[in-house]
Amino acid sequence: MKPKVSFIMPSAKLRPDHFEHAVESVLNQSMREIELIIVLQNDPERHRAYMYEKSDARVFAVNVNAPYGEHFTKAYNHGVGLARSDIICFAHDDDVQLKDKAEILYSVMRNRPSVGMVHGGWCVADQDLVIQTMTWGIKTRTYEEYKDSGSFSPNAVGIRKWVFDRVKFNENYWRVHEFIWCLECMEAGIEFHYIQIPLFIQRVHESFSRKPKVKQLEFAEYERYRKERNDPTIAAGKEQWWREQLPELRQKGFYV
């Protein structure tokens, strides 16, 4: 039977600590008519994803030739190409999907056939899942507001598969492709809908995104995109906000 929602989960052996918890949060969704496509990145067949594939018919483990990073452009696109459902959700291999996520997004999109993407919010927690904050990504932002300082998380959205026929994740951008992809979806006229409901828990810990100089690489990619577009306003406020946060993050032990 064709699933109602496809979850795409990039994964790699460099971040295994919370993998099983992340997978089980997808498989234990209130909506059972789902599939989970785990996209490994240059990983051997001993990865735990294959254990889940053998034990649950809804799970598919595939491999893609892509270097591992916090952001997974090639893995995202590869997984979307394999998905059997008309609605795509994303899941990272260390975050926790809230139980009703698929059911909520499916219901909202079923009642709004013209909408290409539904965007919710997320809770930010420490590595032990103690909730720290509640976050909204692109809630009610205009294009100009988003272009300057918007935030976007693939884990917080349900997306119709046809959207990726128009706009794929930009594999030329290693760090900022999510922000860029959402910007390009707006420019393509894809209709968004916003819901004030948290959909997953982002576990913030000593992951790749907190490694030394990663933010500097991200800032450099913002600048590269500004030059390509000849538009100095792209991500200007977003970058400034992060620069103001860096000293505090470093005091907390994040070597960004």
C-alpha atoms as a PDB file:
ATOM      1  CA  MET A   1       0.000   0.000   0.000  1.00  0.00           C
ATOM      2  CA  LYS A   2       1.289   3.439  -0.897  1.00  0.00           C
ATOM      3  CA  PRO A   3       2.356   5.400   2.201  1.00  0.00           C
ATOM      4  CA  LYS A   4       0.668   8.703   3.013  1.00  0.00           C
ATOM      5  CA  VAL A   5       3.886  10.356   4.208  1.00  0.00           C
ATOM      6  CA  SER A   6       7.551   9.653   3.428  1.00  0.00           C
ATOM      7  CA  PHE A   7      10.227  10.533   5.994  1.00  0.00           C
ATOM      8  CA  ILE A   8      13.740  11.138   4.641  1.00  0.00           C
ATOM      9  CA  MET A   9      16.560  10.706   7.193  1.00  0.00           C
ATOM     10  CA  PRO A  10      20.185  11.352   6.203  1.00  0.00           C
ATOM     11  CA  SER A  11      22.578   9.543   8.515  1.00  0.00           C
ATOM     12  CA  ALA A  12      26.262   8.842   8.917  1.00  0.00           C
ATOM     13  CA  LYS A  13      28.507   6.860  11.228  1.00  0.00           C
ATOM     14  CA  LEU A  14      30.116  10.023  12.588  1.00  0.00           C
ATOM     15  CA  ARG A  15      27.029  10.808  14.710  1.00  0.00           C
ATOM     16  CA  PRO A  16      25.589   7.547  16.059  1.00  0.00           C
ATOM     17  CA  ASP A  17      24.708   8.451  19.657  1.00  0.00           C
ATOM     18  CA  HIS A  18      21.000   9.129  19.250  1.00  0.00           C
ATOM     19  CA  PHE A  19      20.243   7.251  16.031  1.00  0.00           C
ATOM     20  CA  GLU A  20      17.929   4.605  17.479  1.00  0.00           C
ATOM     21  CA  HIS A  21      15.888   7.166  19.399  1.00  0.00           C
ATOM     22  CA  ALA A  22      15.545   9.263  16.233  1.00  0.00           C
ATOM     23  CA  VAL A  23      14.419   6.295  14.113  1.00  0.00           C
ATOM     24  CA  GLU A  24      11.931   5.041  16.669  1.00  0.00           C
ATOM     25  CA  SER A  25      10.360   8.496  16.949  1.00  0.00           C
ATOM     26  CA  VAL A  26       9.487   8.151  13.245  1.00  0.00           C
ATOM     27  CA  LEU A  27       8.318   4.542  13.383  1.00  0.00           C
ATOM     28  CA  ASN A  28       6.099   5.238  16.403  1.00  0.00           C
ATOM     29  CA  GLN A  29       4.131   8.011  14.701  1.00  0.00           C
ATOM     30  CA  SER A  30       0.379   8.026  15.345  1.00  0.00           C
ATOM     31  CA  MET A  31      -0.020   7.702  11.579  1.00  0.00           C
ATOM     32  CA  ARG A  32       1.090   4.205  10.625  1.00  0.00           C
ATOM     33  CA  GLU A  33       0.893   4.631   6.824  1.00  0.00           C
ATOM     34  CA  ILE A  34       4.404   6.034   6.496  1.00  0.00           C
ATOM     35  CA  GLU A  35       7.765   5.026   5.089  1.00  0.00           C
ATOM     36  CA  LEU A  36      11.226   5.909   6.371  1.00  0.00           C
ATOM     37  CA  ILE A  37      14.049   6.228   3.855  1.00  0.00           C
ATOM     38  CA  ILE A  38      17.394   6.313   5.669  1.00  0.00           C
ATOM     39  CA  VAL A  39      20.017   7.754   3.335  1.00  0.00           C
ATOM     40  CA  LEU A  40      23.496   6.690   4.409  1.00  0.00           C
ATOM     41  CA  GLN A  41      26.527   8.618   3.252  1.00  0.00           C
ATOM     42  CA  ASN A  42      29.433   6.378   2.272  1.00  0.00           C
ATOM     43  CA  ASP A  43      28.568   4.030   5.128  1.00  0.00           C
ATOM     44  CA  PRO A  44      29.235   0.283   5.367  1.00  0.00           C
ATOM     45  CA  GLU A  45      26.425  -2.248   5.478  1.00  0.00           C
ATOM     46  CA  ARG A  46      26.929  -2.791   9.201  1.00  0.00           C
ATOM     47  CA  HIS A  47      25.129   0.498   9.898  1.00  0.00           C
ATOM     48  CA  ARG A  48      22.171   0.022  12.245  1.00  0.00           C
ATOM     49  CA  ALA A  49      19.829   1.280   9.525  1.00  0.00           C
ATOM     50  CA  TYR A  50      19.962  -2.180   7.935  1.00  0.00           C
ATOM     51  CA  MET A  51      18.713  -3.734  11.167  1.00  0.00           C
ATOM     52  CA  TYR A  52      15.605  -1.564  10.986  1.00  0.00           C
ATOM     53  CA  GLU A  53      15.157  -2.361   7.303  1.00  0.00           C
ATOM     54  CA  LYS A  54      15.059  -6.082   8.098  1.00  0.00           C
ATOM     55  CA  SER A  55      12.606  -5.735  10.985  1.00  0.00           C
ATOM     56  CA  ASP A  56      10.121  -3.165   9.604  1.00  0.00           C
ATOM     57  CA  ALA A  57       8.755  -3.217   6.047  1.00  0.00           C
ATOM     58  CA  ARG A  58       8.278   0.552   6.174  1.00  0.00           C
ATOM     59  CA  VAL A  59      12.032   1.182   6.410  1.00  0.00           C
ATOM     60  CA  PHE A  60      14.402   1.429   3.436  1.00  0.00           C
ATOM     61  CA  ALA A  61      18.168   1.905   3.845  1.00  0.00           C
ATOM     62  CA  VAL A  62      20.026   3.293   0.831  1.00  0.00           C
ATOM     63  CA  ASN A  63      23.516   4.605   0.293  1.00  0.00           C
ATOM     64  CA  VAL A  64      24.669   7.687  -1.581  1.00  0.00           C
ATOM     65  CA  ASN A  65      28.182   8.800  -2.493  1.00  0.00           C
ATOM     66  CA  ALA A  66      28.301  12.059  -0.561  1.00  0.00           C
ATOM     67  CA  PRO A  67      30.629  13.474   2.078  1.00  0.00           C
ATOM     68  CA  TYR A  68      29.137  13.690   5.548  1.00  0.00           C
ATOM     69  CA  GLY A  69      28.220  17.074   6.980  1.00  0.00           C
ATOM     70  CA  GLU A  70      25.626  18.596   9.225  1.00  0.00           C
ATOM     71  CA  HIS A  71      23.630  19.528   6.120  1.00  0.00           C
ATOM     72  CA  PHE A  72      22.893  16.849   3.601  1.00  0.00           C
ATOM     73  CA  THR A  73      22.101  18.300   0.171  1.00  0.00           C
ATOM     74  CA  LYS A  74      22.786  15.223  -1.932  1.00  0.00           C
ATOM     75  CA  ALA A  75      21.236  12.841   0.609  1.00  0.00           C
ATOM     76  CA  TYR A  76      18.048  14.927   0.759  1.00  0.00           C
ATOM     77  CA  ASN A  77      17.634  14.967  -3.012  1.00  0.00           C
ATOM     78  CA  HIS A  78      18.429  11.262  -3.308  1.00  0.00           C
ATOM     79  CA  GLY A  79      15.851  10.334  -0.684  1.00  0.00           C
ATOM     80  CA  VAL A  80      13.141  12.493  -2.222  1.00  0.00           C
ATOM     81  CA  GLY A  81      13.702  10.793  -5.573  1.00  0.00           C
ATOM     82  CA  LEU A  82      12.986   7.401  -3.991  1.00  0.00           C
ATOM     83  CA  ALA A  83       9.943   8.446  -1.934  1.00  0.00           C
ATOM     84  CA  ARG A  84       6.643   6.756  -2.837  1.00  0.00           C
ATOM     85  CA  SER A  85       4.237   9.170  -1.141  1.00  0.00           C
ATOM     86  CA  ASP A  86       3.077  12.597  -2.280  1.00  0.00           C
ATOM     87  CA  ILE A  87       4.067  14.285   1.000  1.00  0.00           C
ATOM     88  CA  ILE A  88       7.658  14.507   2.209  1.00  0.00           C
ATOM     89  CA  CYS A  89       8.877  15.011   5.778  1.00  0.00           C
ATOM     90  CA  PHE A  90      12.477  15.138   6.924  1.00  0.00           C
ATOM     91  CA  ALA A  91      14.140  13.784  10.048  1.00  0.00           C
ATOM     92  CA  HIS A  92      17.709  14.096  11.268  1.00  0.00           C
ATOM     93  CA  ASP A  93      19.482  11.174  12.895  1.00  0.00           C
ATOM     94  CA  ASP A  94      19.782  12.796  16.317  1.00  0.00           C
ATOM     95  CA  ASP A  95      16.477  14.680  16.634  1.00  0.00           C
ATOM     96  CA  VAL A  96      13.113  13.440  17.897  1.00  0.00           C
ATOM     97  CA  GLN A  97       9.939  13.614  15.804  1.00  0.00           C
ATOM     98  CA  LEU A  98       6.853  14.361  17.884  1.00  0.00           C
ATOM     99  CA  LYS A  99       4.279  11.587  17.718  1.00  0.00           C
ATOM    100  CA  ASP A 100       1.536  13.416  15.766  1.00  0.00           C
ATOM    101  CA  LYS A 101       3.800  15.172  13.263  1.00  0.00           C
ATOM    102  CA  ALA A 102       2.878  13.137  10.169  1.00  0.00           C
ATOM    103  CA  GLU A 103      -0.811  13.062  11.009  1.00  0.00           C
ATOM    104  CA  ILE A 104      -0.988  16.829  11.590  1.00  0.00           C
ATOM    105  CA  LEU A 105       0.866  17.724   8.405  1.00  0.00           C
ATOM    106  CA  TYR A 106      -1.105  15.254   6.302  1.00  0.00           C
ATOM    107  CA  SER A 107      -4.408  16.595   7.621  1.00  0.00           C
ATOM    108  CA  VAL A 108      -3.477  20.239   7.069  1.00  0.00           C
ATOM    109  CA  MET A 109      -2.255  19.591   3.529  1.00  0.00           C
ATOM    110  CA  ARG A 110      -5.222  17.394   2.605  1.00  0.00           C
ATOM    111  CA  ASN A 111      -7.521  20.317   3.444  1.00  0.00           C
ATOM    112  CA  ARG A 112      -5.416  22.822   1.454  1.00  0.00           C
ATOM    113  CA  PRO A 113      -4.758  21.281  -1.974  1.00  0.00           C
ATOM    114  CA  SER A 114      -3.050  24.385  -3.382  1.00  0.00           C
ATOM    115  CA  VAL A 115      -0.476  24.570  -0.592  1.00  0.00           C
ATOM    116  CA  GLY A 116       2.982  23.253  -1.483  1.00  0.00           C
ATOM    117  CA  MET A 117       4.477  23.400   1.991  1.00  0.00           C
ATOM    118  CA  VAL A 118       3.240  23.541   5.597  1.00  0.00           C
ATOM    119  CA  HIS A 119       5.672  24.930   8.168  1.00  0.00           C
ATOM    120  CA  GLY A 120       5.419  24.445  11.931  1.00  0.00           C
ATOM    121  CA  GLY A 121       7.794  25.021  14.829  1.00  0.00           C
ATOM    122  CA  TRP A 122      10.151  23.017  16.991  1.00  0.00           C
ATOM    123  CA  CYS A 123      11.459  22.684  20.507  1.00  0.00           C
ATOM    124  CA  VAL A 124      15.183  23.064  21.171  1.00  0.00           C
ATOM    125  CA  ALA A 125      16.607  20.761  23.846  1.00  0.00           C
ATOM    126  CA  ASP A 126      19.962  19.732  25.221  1.00  0.00           C
ATOM    127  CA  GLN A 127      21.408  16.303  24.504  1.00  0.00           C
ATOM    128  CA  ASP A 128      19.275  14.810  27.298  1.00  0.00           C
ATOM    129  CA  LEU A 129      16.105  16.292  25.760  1.00  0.00           C
ATOM    130  CA  VAL A 130      15.586  18.925  28.447  1.00  0.00           C
ATOM    131  CA  ILE A 131      13.621  21.597  26.565  1.00  0.00           C
ATOM    132  CA  GLN A 132      15.336  25.000  26.393  1.00  0.00           C
ATOM    133  CA  THR A 133      13.293  27.072  23.930  1.00  0.00           C
ATOM    134  CA  MET A 134      10.505  27.046  21.363  1.00  0.00           C
ATOM    135  CA  THR A 135      11.453  28.156  17.858  1.00  0.00           C
ATOM    136  CA  TRP A 136       9.547  29.321  14.781  1.00  0.00           C
ATOM    137  CA  GLY A 137      11.144  29.337  11.351  1.00  0.00           C
ATOM    138  CA  ILE A 138       9.373  31.392   8.671  1.00  0.00           C
ATOM    139  CA  LYS A 139       6.097  32.105  10.461  1.00  0.00           C
ATOM    140  CA  THR A 140       4.250  34.900   8.556  1.00  0.00           C
ATOM    141  CA  ARG A 141       7.467  36.443   7.250  1.00  0.00           C
ATOM    142  CA  THR A 142       7.329  38.318   3.977  1.00  0.00           C
ATOM    143  CA  TYR A 143       9.827  37.448   1.282  1.00  0.00           C
ATOM    144  CA  GLU A 144      11.960  40.497   2.116  1.00  0.00           C
ATOM    145  CA  GLU A 145      11.918  39.688   5.839  1.00  0.00           C
ATOM    146  CA  TYR A 146      12.835  36.075   5.235  1.00  0.00           C
ATOM    147  CA  LYS A 147      15.590  36.971   2.778  1.00  0.00           C
ATOM    148  CA  ASP A 148      17.247  39.155   5.414  1.00  0.00           C
ATOM    149  CA  SER A 149      16.912  37.081   8.579  1.00  0.00           C
ATOM    150  CA  GLY A 150      14.666  34.061   8.116  1.00  0.00           C
ATOM    151  CA  SER A 151      15.225  30.637   9.592  1.00  0.00           C
ATOM    152  CA  PHE A 152      14.129  27.376   8.012  1.00  0.00           C
ATOM    153  CA  SER A 153      14.283  23.770   9.174  1.00  0.00           C
ATOM    154  CA  PRO A 154      13.331  20.873   6.847  1.00  0.00           C
ATOM    155  CA  ASN A 155      12.354  18.905   9.962  1.00  0.00           C
ATOM    156  CA  ALA A 156       9.529  21.373  10.658  1.00  0.00           C
ATOM    157  CA  VAL A 157       7.710  21.042   7.348  1.00  0.00           C
ATOM    158  CA  GLY A 158       5.540  18.827   5.209  1.00  0.00           C
ATOM    159  CA  ILE A 159       6.239  19.301   1.501  1.00  0.00           C
ATOM    160  CA  ARG A 160       4.403  18.029  -1.545  1.00  0.00           C
ATOM    161  CA  LYS A 161       6.727  15.951  -3.689  1.00  0.00           C
ATOM    162  CA  TRP A 162       5.976  18.023  -6.799  1.00  0.00           C
ATOM    163  CA  VAL A 163       7.711  20.988  -5.126  1.00  0.00           C
ATOM    164  CA  PHE A 164      11.041  19.234  -5.728  1.00  0.00           C
ATOM    165  CA  ASP A 165      10.284  19.067  -9.443  1.00  0.00           C
ATOM    166  CA  ARG A 166      10.477  22.864  -9.381  1.00  0.00           C
ATOM    167  CA  VAL A 167      13.182  23.476  -6.770  1.00  0.00           C
ATOM    168  CA  LYS A 168      15.720  20.898  -5.622  1.00  0.00           C
ATOM    169  CA  PHE A 169      18.110  21.386  -2.733  1.00  0.00           C
ATOM    170  CA  ASN A 170      21.148  23.256  -4.020  1.00  0.00           C
ATOM    171  CA  GLU A 171      24.036  20.784  -3.864  1.00  0.00           C
ATOM    172  CA  ASN A 172      26.561  23.554  -4.526  1.00  0.00           C
ATOM    173  CA  TYR A 173      25.935  24.910  -1.036  1.00  0.00           C
ATOM    174  CA  TRP A 174      27.225  22.768   1.771  1.00  0.00           C
ATOM    175  CA  ARG A 175      26.146  24.760   4.833  1.00  0.00           C
ATOM    176  CA  VAL A 176      23.251  27.038   3.889  1.00  0.00           C
ATOM    177  CA  HIS A 177      21.263  25.065   1.358  1.00  0.00           C
ATOM    178  CA  GLU A 178      18.128  24.891   3.550  1.00  0.00           C
ATOM    179  CA  PHE A 179      17.853  28.675   3.773  1.00  0.00           C
ATOM    180  CA  ILE A 180      18.635  29.064   0.071  1.00  0.00           C
ATOM    181  CA  TRP A 181      16.186  26.333  -0.952  1.00  0.00           C
ATOM    182  CA  CYS A 182      13.341  27.971   0.953  1.00  0.00           C
ATOM    183  CA  LEU A 183      14.214  31.345  -0.578  1.00  0.00           C
ATOM    184  CA  GLU A 184      14.085  29.811  -4.052  1.00  0.00           C
ATOM    185  CA  CYS A 185      10.727  28.151  -3.277  1.00  0.00           C
ATOM    186  CA  MET A 186       9.338  31.580  -2.393  1.00  0.00           C
ATOM    187  CA  GLU A 187      10.692  32.980  -5.649  1.00  0.00           C
ATOM    188  CA  ALA A 188       9.039  30.107  -7.556  1.00  0.00           C
ATOM    189  CA  GLY A 189       5.656  31.167  -6.176  1.00  0.00           C
ATOM    190  CA  ILE A 190       5.094  28.020  -4.102  1.00  0.00           C
ATOM    191  CA  GLU A 191       2.309  28.580  -1.583  1.00  0.00           C
ATOM    192  CA  PHE A 192       3.200  28.204   2.109  1.00  0.00           C
ATOM    193  CA  HIS A 193       0.977  27.658   5.112  1.00  0.00           C
ATOM    194  CA  TYR A 194       2.037  28.179   8.727  1.00  0.00           C
ATOM    195  CA  ILE A 195       0.851  26.347  11.840  1.00  0.00           C
ATOM    196  CA  GLN A 196       1.763  27.276  15.398  1.00  0.00           C
ATOM    197  CA  ILE A 197       2.430  23.692  16.429  1.00  0.00           C
ATOM    198  CA  PRO A 198       5.789  22.156  17.402  1.00  0.00           C
ATOM    199  CA  LEU A 199       6.623  19.175  15.208  1.00  0.00           C
ATOM    200  CA  PHE A 200       9.985  17.891  16.445  1.00  0.00           C
ATOM    201  CA  ILE A 201      12.645  18.333  19.112  1.00  0.00           C
ATOM    202  CA  GLN A 202      16.035  19.557  17.947  1.00  0.00           C
ATOM    203  CA  ARG A 203      18.747  18.106  20.128  1.00  0.00           C
ATOM    204  CA  VAL A 204      21.598  20.628  20.411  1.00  0.00           C
ATOM    205  CA  HIS A 205      24.869  19.027  21.459  1.00  0.00           C
ATOM    206  CA  GLU A 206      28.482  18.638  20.343  1.00  0.00           C
ATOM    207  CA  SER A 207      27.459  17.866  16.780  1.00  0.00           C
ATOM    208  CA  PHE A 208      29.086  18.834  13.520  1.00  0.00           C
ATOM    209  CA  SER A 209      27.407  22.252  13.515  1.00  0.00           C
ATOM    210  CA  ARG A 210      29.322  23.199  16.677  1.00  0.00           C
ATOM    211  CA  LYS A 211      32.755  22.205  15.405  1.00  0.00           C
ATOM    212  CA  PRO A 212      35.500  24.846  15.046  1.00  0.00           C
ATOM    213  CA  LYS A 213      35.132  27.291  12.135  1.00  0.00           C
ATOM    214  CA  VAL A 214      31.851  25.842  10.863  1.00  0.00           C
ATOM    215  CA  LYS A 215      30.069  29.182  11.265  1.00  0.00           C
ATOM    216  CA  GLN A 216      32.845  30.915   9.367  1.00  0.00           C
ATOM    217  CA  LEU A 217      32.251  28.509   6.496  1.00  0.00           C
ATOM    218  CA  GLU A 218      28.536  29.264   6.660  1.00  0.00           C
ATOM    219  CA  PHE A 219      29.152  33.024   6.569  1.00  0.00           C
ATOM    220  CA  ALA A 220      31.391  32.551   3.531  1.00  0.00           C
ATOM    221  CA  GLU A 221      28.585  30.729   1.717  1.00  0.00           C
ATOM    222  CA  TYR A 222      26.134  33.529   2.483  1.00  0.00           C
ATOM    223  CA  GLU A 223      28.619  35.913   0.908  1.00  0.00           C
ATOM    224  CA  ARG A 224      29.049  33.666  -2.129  1.00  0.00           C
ATOM    225  CA  TYR A 225      25.292  33.617  -2.652  1.00  0.00           C
ATOM    226  CA  ARG A 226      25.046  37.397  -2.269  1.00  0.00           C
ATOM    227  CA  LYS A 227      27.648  37.840  -4.979  1.00  0.00           C
ATOM    228  CA  GLU A 228      25.873  35.388  -7.299  1.00  0.00           C
ATOM    229  CA  ARG A 229      22.616  37.278  -6.828  1.00  0.00           C
ATOM    230  CA  ASN A 230      24.227  40.721  -6.618  1.00  0.00           C
ATOM    231  CA  ASP A 231      22.057  41.308  -3.552  1.00  0.00           C
ATOM    232  CA  PRO A 232      23.843  42.311  -0.310  1.00  0.00           C
ATOM    233  CA  THR A 233      20.659  41.957   1.766  1.00  0.00           C
ATOM    234  CA  ILE A 234      20.497  38.153   1.527  1.00  0.00           C
ATOM    235  CA  ALA A 235      21.017  36.675   5.021  1.00  0.00           C
ATOM    236  CA  ALA A 236      22.547  39.954   6.250  1.00  0.00           C
ATOM    237  CA  GLY A 237      20.416  40.076   9.396  1.00  0.00           C
ATOM    238  CA  LYS A 238      20.728  36.327   9.859  1.00  0.00           C
ATOM    239  CA  GLU A 239      24.517  36.496   9.816  1.00  0.00           C
ATOM    240  CA  GLN A 240      24.583  39.512  12.144  1.00  0.00           C
ATOM    241  CA  TRP A 241      22.392  37.677  14.682  1.00  0.00           C
ATOM    242  CA  TRP A 242      24.728  34.694  14.691  1.00  0.00           C
ATOM    243  CA  ARG A 243      27.821  36.869  15.055  1.00  0.00           C
ATOM    244  CA  GLU A 244      26.256  38.386  18.176  1.00  0.00           C
ATOM    245  CA  GLN A 245      25.526  34.903  19.561  1.00  0.00           C
ATOM    246  CA  LEU A 246      28.979  33.430  18.980  1.00  0.00           C
ATOM    247  CA  PRO A 247      30.709  34.802  22.116  1.00  0.00           C
ATOM    248  CA  GLU A 248      28.001  33.345  24.373  1.00  0.00           C
ATOM    249  CA  LEU A 249      28.092  29.991  22.573  1.00  0.00           C
ATOM    250  CA  ARG A 250      31.863  29.850  22.953  1.00  0.00           C
ATOM    251  CA  GLN A 251      31.554  30.543  26.664  1.00  0.00           C
ATOM    252  CA  LYS A 252      29.260  27.505  26.876  1.00  0.00           C
ATOM    253  CA  GLY A 253      31.904  25.327  25.240  1.00  0.00           C
ATOM    254  CA  PHE A 254      30.702  25.350  21.628  1.00  0.00           C
ATOM    255  CA  TYR A 255      33.829  26.013  19.576  1.00  0.00           C
ATOM    256  CA  VAL A 256      32.053  27.800  16.751  1.00  0.00           C
END
